[in-house]
Structures are given as C-alpha cells and as structure tokens.
Amino acid sequence: MSSKMSDMYNVPEGYFEGLKARLERIPAEHSAAPAKRPFTWMRIRPYVALAACLALLLTAGTILLDRKADLSGTSESIYEQMMYSDLIPDTDPDSIFGAPSSPGESYDISDEDIVDYLISSGASVELIALAEDQ
C-alpha cells in the first residue's frame, strides 16, 4: 500500500523540461485569437427578461382584479358600475333608493315624508305650512 501512495505523488518523467516552453505558448495562443463580441441576443437578453416579467405581473394583476370584481355578487363589471354611478345626481343621491323597482309601481309617499323633505331641504316656513294644510 505504501508503494501505491508514493506512485500517486510522483511527477511524470520529463515534465519539468518541457514546462517552460508549454507555459510560454499559452499567452501567444490566446492573444492570436480575436476578441469575440457578444451576440446581440446576449446583450438584449436582460431587457427581454425584464419586459417578460413586467408583462407577467400586469397579466396576473388584471386577472386577480377581474376575479375580485366578479366575487362582489353582481354580474356587472366594475366599468359598468362606474358608468352607472356617474348617472346618480350629486345633488340628491338618496332619490335613487326611493324609486320603485318596476315601471308599473307607484311611490308611497306620505304627507309627513313631504314635510320632512321640505324641512331638510331648507324650504321656507310658508311653503311647509302650505304643504301641511293640503
């Protein structure tokens, strides 16, 4: 076993005689080859990867928001809801909640409701008194 160990760490015959010549050839071989420019694909690959990641994030965000809007319980999209919200008048948004659900139904408004509305809207005392008399 000791002979195997000693054989393992031996230098081949004539190794050091040709070592200097081999080492001098290495720089000459590498300097003779022209420097290669990286291919166009290698230069633009990071930018393509960045664009792909951005597109993936935007697509995932859009899908997530669309599903979240569908979970709200309505069949209308968020854009339709925004469109209809612009139709509600800013001056009296409560009027849409008192409207009948179908065209054949009528309003059930009492005289007290009319007087309360006139008081809350800041009508004159004479107008309120006139509404109470009728």
C-alpha atoms as a PDB file:
ATOM      1  CA  MET A   1       0.000   0.000   0.000  1.00  0.00           C
ATOM      2  CA  SER A   2       2.851   2.379   0.646  1.00  0.00           C
ATOM      3  CA  SER A   3       4.133   1.903  -2.895  1.00  0.00           C
ATOM      4  CA  LYS A   4       0.758   2.954  -4.255  1.00  0.00           C
ATOM      5  CA  MET A   5       0.908   6.119  -2.163  1.00  0.00           C
ATOM      6  CA  SER A   6       4.334   7.020  -3.384  1.00  0.00           C
ATOM      7  CA  ASP A   7       3.332   6.391  -7.024  1.00  0.00           C
ATOM      8  CA  MET A   8       0.401   8.715  -6.617  1.00  0.00           C
ATOM      9  CA  TYR A   9       2.596  11.718  -5.795  1.00  0.00           C
ATOM     10  CA  ASN A  10       5.288  11.194  -8.412  1.00  0.00           C
ATOM     11  CA  VAL A  11       5.896  13.609 -11.287  1.00  0.00           C
ATOM     12  CA  PRO A  12       5.953  12.090 -14.791  1.00  0.00           C
ATOM     13  CA  GLU A  13       9.348  11.788 -16.454  1.00  0.00           C
ATOM     14  CA  GLY A  14      10.414  14.892 -18.416  1.00  0.00           C
ATOM     15  CA  TYR A  15       7.590  17.041 -17.049  1.00  0.00           C
ATOM     16  CA  PHE A  16       9.714  19.971 -15.883  1.00  0.00           C
ATOM     17  CA  GLU A  17      11.921  20.063 -19.002  1.00  0.00           C
ATOM     18  CA  GLY A  18       9.035  20.983 -21.336  1.00  0.00           C
ATOM     19  CA  LEU A  19       7.097  23.024 -18.768  1.00  0.00           C
ATOM     20  CA  LYS A  20       8.696  26.379 -19.599  1.00  0.00           C
ATOM     21  CA  ALA A  21       8.053  26.001 -23.327  1.00  0.00           C
ATOM     22  CA  ARG A  22       4.420  24.986 -22.725  1.00  0.00           C
ATOM     23  CA  LEU A  23       3.817  27.958 -20.428  1.00  0.00           C
ATOM     24  CA  GLU A  24       5.275  30.403 -22.962  1.00  0.00           C
ATOM     25  CA  ARG A  25       2.936  29.110 -25.681  1.00  0.00           C
ATOM     26  CA  ILE A  26      -0.256  29.758 -23.674  1.00  0.00           C
ATOM     27  CA  PRO A  27      -0.325  33.597 -23.916  1.00  0.00           C
ATOM     28  CA  ALA A  28       0.708  33.501 -27.571  1.00  0.00           C
ATOM     29  CA  GLU A  29      -2.212  31.189 -28.435  1.00  0.00           C
ATOM     30  CA  HIS A  30      -4.797  33.325 -26.616  1.00  0.00           C
ATOM     31  CA  SER A  31      -3.588  36.674 -27.917  1.00  0.00           C
ATOM     32  CA  ALA A  32      -3.693  35.475 -31.526  1.00  0.00           C
ATOM     33  CA  ALA A  33      -7.442  34.807 -31.327  1.00  0.00           C
ATOM     34  CA  PRO A  34      -9.558  37.920 -31.976  1.00  0.00           C
ATOM     35  CA  ALA A  35     -11.731  39.156 -29.149  1.00  0.00           C
ATOM     36  CA  LYS A  36     -15.289  37.995 -29.701  1.00  0.00           C
ATOM     37  CA  ARG A  37     -18.086  40.481 -29.310  1.00  0.00           C
ATOM     38  CA  PRO A  38     -21.123  39.122 -27.516  1.00  0.00           C
ATOM     39  CA  PHE A  39     -24.011  38.278 -29.759  1.00  0.00           C
ATOM     40  CA  THR A  40     -26.883  40.737 -29.958  1.00  0.00           C
ATOM     41  CA  TRP A  41     -29.110  38.277 -28.113  1.00  0.00           C
ATOM     42  CA  MET A  42     -26.683  38.163 -25.183  1.00  0.00           C
ATOM     43  CA  ARG A  43     -26.814  41.956 -24.913  1.00  0.00           C
ATOM     44  CA  ILE A  44     -30.594  42.319 -25.060  1.00  0.00           C
ATOM     45  CA  ARG A  45     -31.481  39.224 -23.030  1.00  0.00           C
ATOM     46  CA  PRO A  46     -31.748  41.090 -19.666  1.00  0.00           C
ATOM     47  CA  TYR A  47     -34.109  43.646 -21.195  1.00  0.00           C
ATOM     48  CA  VAL A  48     -36.278  40.940 -22.751  1.00  0.00           C
ATOM     49  CA  ALA A  49     -36.424  39.152 -19.396  1.00  0.00           C
ATOM     50  CA  LEU A  50     -37.432  42.389 -17.660  1.00  0.00           C
ATOM     51  CA  ALA A  51     -40.188  43.037 -20.196  1.00  0.00           C
ATOM     52  CA  ALA A  52     -41.467  39.471 -19.824  1.00  0.00           C
ATOM     53  CA  CYS A  53     -41.601  39.804 -16.031  1.00  0.00           C
ATOM     54  CA  LEU A  54     -43.469  43.098 -16.298  1.00  0.00           C
ATOM     55  CA  ALA A  55     -45.984  41.609 -18.745  1.00  0.00           C
ATOM     56  CA  LEU A  56     -46.499  38.635 -16.441  1.00  0.00           C
ATOM     57  CA  LEU A  57     -47.123  40.894 -13.442  1.00  0.00           C
ATOM     58  CA  LEU A  58     -49.604  43.041 -15.348  1.00  0.00           C
ATOM     59  CA  THR A  59     -51.473  39.998 -16.637  1.00  0.00           C
ATOM     60  CA  ALA A  60     -51.632  38.406 -13.186  1.00  0.00           C
ATOM     61  CA  GLY A  61     -52.831  41.678 -11.640  1.00  0.00           C
ATOM     62  CA  THR A  62     -55.553  42.109 -14.245  1.00  0.00           C
ATOM     63  CA  ILE A  63     -56.801  38.548 -13.757  1.00  0.00           C
ATOM     64  CA  LEU A  64     -56.778  38.970  -9.981  1.00  0.00           C
ATOM     65  CA  LEU A  65     -58.704  42.237 -10.094  1.00  0.00           C
ATOM     66  CA  ASP A  66     -61.270  40.855 -12.548  1.00  0.00           C
ATOM     67  CA  ARG A  67     -61.903  37.841 -10.331  1.00  0.00           C
ATOM     68  CA  LYS A  68     -62.159  40.044  -7.254  1.00  0.00           C
ATOM     69  CA  ALA A  69     -64.729  42.250  -9.024  1.00  0.00           C
ATOM     70  CA  ASP A  70     -66.733  39.144 -10.020  1.00  0.00           C
ATOM     71  CA  LEU A  71     -66.847  37.992  -6.397  1.00  0.00           C
ATOM     72  CA  SER A  72     -68.743  41.105  -5.322  1.00  0.00           C
ATOM     73  CA  GLY A  73     -72.052  39.386  -6.112  1.00  0.00           C
ATOM     74  CA  THR A  74     -73.066  41.392  -9.162  1.00  0.00           C
ATOM     75  CA  SER A  75     -72.902  40.299 -12.743  1.00  0.00           C
ATOM     76  CA  GLU A  76     -71.886  43.793 -13.897  1.00  0.00           C
ATOM     77  CA  SER A  77     -68.271  44.559 -14.447  1.00  0.00           C
ATOM     78  CA  ILE A  78     -66.548  47.285 -12.477  1.00  0.00           C
ATOM     79  CA  TYR A  79     -66.607  49.525 -15.535  1.00  0.00           C
ATOM     80  CA  GLU A  80     -70.386  49.252 -15.820  1.00  0.00           C
ATOM     81  CA  GLN A  81     -70.742  50.039 -12.120  1.00  0.00           C
ATOM     82  CA  MET A  82     -68.588  53.139 -12.558  1.00  0.00           C
ATOM     83  CA  MET A  83     -70.654  54.211 -15.559  1.00  0.00           C
ATOM     84  CA  TYR A  84     -73.916  53.872 -13.643  1.00  0.00           C
ATOM     85  CA  SER A  85     -72.507  55.667 -10.609  1.00  0.00           C
ATOM     86  CA  ASP A  86     -71.926  58.720 -12.804  1.00  0.00           C
ATOM     87  CA  LEU A  87     -75.644  58.792 -13.589  1.00  0.00           C
ATOM     88  CA  ILE A  88     -76.651  59.317  -9.946  1.00  0.00           C
ATOM     89  CA  PRO A  89     -77.149  63.031  -9.389  1.00  0.00           C
ATOM     90  CA  ASP A  90     -74.775  64.580  -6.904  1.00  0.00           C
ATOM     91  CA  THR A  91     -77.441  66.880  -5.541  1.00  0.00           C
ATOM     92  CA  ASP A  92     -79.858  64.159  -4.405  1.00  0.00           C
ATOM     93  CA  PRO A  93     -78.253  60.690  -4.359  1.00  0.00           C
ATOM     94  CA  ASP A  94     -80.936  59.361  -1.991  1.00  0.00           C
ATOM     95  CA  SER A  95     -83.620  59.755  -4.662  1.00  0.00           C
ATOM     96  CA  ILE A  96     -82.440  56.627  -6.455  1.00  0.00           C
ATOM     97  CA  PHE A  97     -83.104  54.451  -3.394  1.00  0.00           C
ATOM     98  CA  GLY A  98     -86.732  55.544  -3.059  1.00  0.00           C
ATOM     99  CA  ALA A  99     -87.578  54.829  -6.702  1.00  0.00           C
ATOM    100  CA  PRO A 100     -89.935  51.917  -7.447  1.00  0.00           C
ATOM    101  CA  SER A 101     -88.272  48.787  -8.798  1.00  0.00           C
ATOM    102  CA  SER A 102     -90.582  48.394 -11.803  1.00  0.00           C
ATOM    103  CA  PRO A 103     -92.288  50.990 -14.028  1.00  0.00           C
ATOM    104  CA  GLY A 104     -95.815  49.902 -13.030  1.00  0.00           C
ATOM    105  CA  GLU A 105     -95.281  50.526  -9.311  1.00  0.00           C
ATOM    106  CA  SER A 106     -96.008  53.887  -7.747  1.00  0.00           C
ATOM    107  CA  TYR A 107     -94.347  55.810  -4.968  1.00  0.00           C
ATOM    108  CA  ASP A 108     -95.764  55.511  -1.474  1.00  0.00           C
ATOM    109  CA  ILE A 109     -95.004  58.986  -0.177  1.00  0.00           C
ATOM    110  CA  SER A 110     -96.973  60.319   2.743  1.00  0.00           C
ATOM    111  CA  ASP A 111     -97.614  63.939   3.633  1.00  0.00           C
ATOM    112  CA  GLU A 112     -95.236  63.558   6.532  1.00  0.00           C
ATOM    113  CA  ASP A 113     -92.478  62.467   4.107  1.00  0.00           C
ATOM    114  CA  ILE A 114     -93.077  65.620   2.061  1.00  0.00           C
ATOM    115  CA  VAL A 115     -92.913  67.867   5.116  1.00  0.00           C
ATOM    116  CA  ASP A 116     -89.739  66.136   6.338  1.00  0.00           C
ATOM    117  CA  TYR A 117     -88.165  66.645   2.915  1.00  0.00           C
ATOM    118  CA  LEU A 118     -89.088  70.336   2.866  1.00  0.00           C
ATOM    119  CA  ILE A 119     -87.655  70.836   6.345  1.00  0.00           C
ATOM    120  CA  SER A 120     -84.392  69.031   5.482  1.00  0.00           C
ATOM    121  CA  SER A 121     -84.029  70.975   2.221  1.00  0.00           C
ATOM    122  CA  GLY A 122     -84.346  74.342   3.986  1.00  0.00           C
ATOM    123  CA  ALA A 123     -87.679  75.441   2.483  1.00  0.00           C
ATOM    124  CA  SER A 124     -89.428  78.489   3.826  1.00  0.00           C
ATOM    125  CA  VAL A 125     -91.915  78.231   6.705  1.00  0.00           C
ATOM    126  CA  GLU A 126     -94.746  79.374   4.449  1.00  0.00           C
ATOM    127  CA  LEU A 127     -94.111  76.549   1.977  1.00  0.00           C
ATOM    128  CA  ILE A 128     -94.016  73.992   4.808  1.00  0.00           C
ATOM    129  CA  ALA A 129     -97.249  75.379   6.234  1.00  0.00           C
ATOM    130  CA  LEU A 130     -98.854  75.202   2.785  1.00  0.00           C
ATOM    131  CA  ALA A 131     -97.805  71.537   2.414  1.00  0.00           C
ATOM    132  CA  GLU A 132     -99.237  70.696   5.860  1.00  0.00           C
ATOM    133  CA  ASP A 133    -102.582  72.280   5.022  1.00  0.00           C
ATOM    134  CA  GLN A 134    -103.164  70.215   1.924  1.00  0.00           C
END
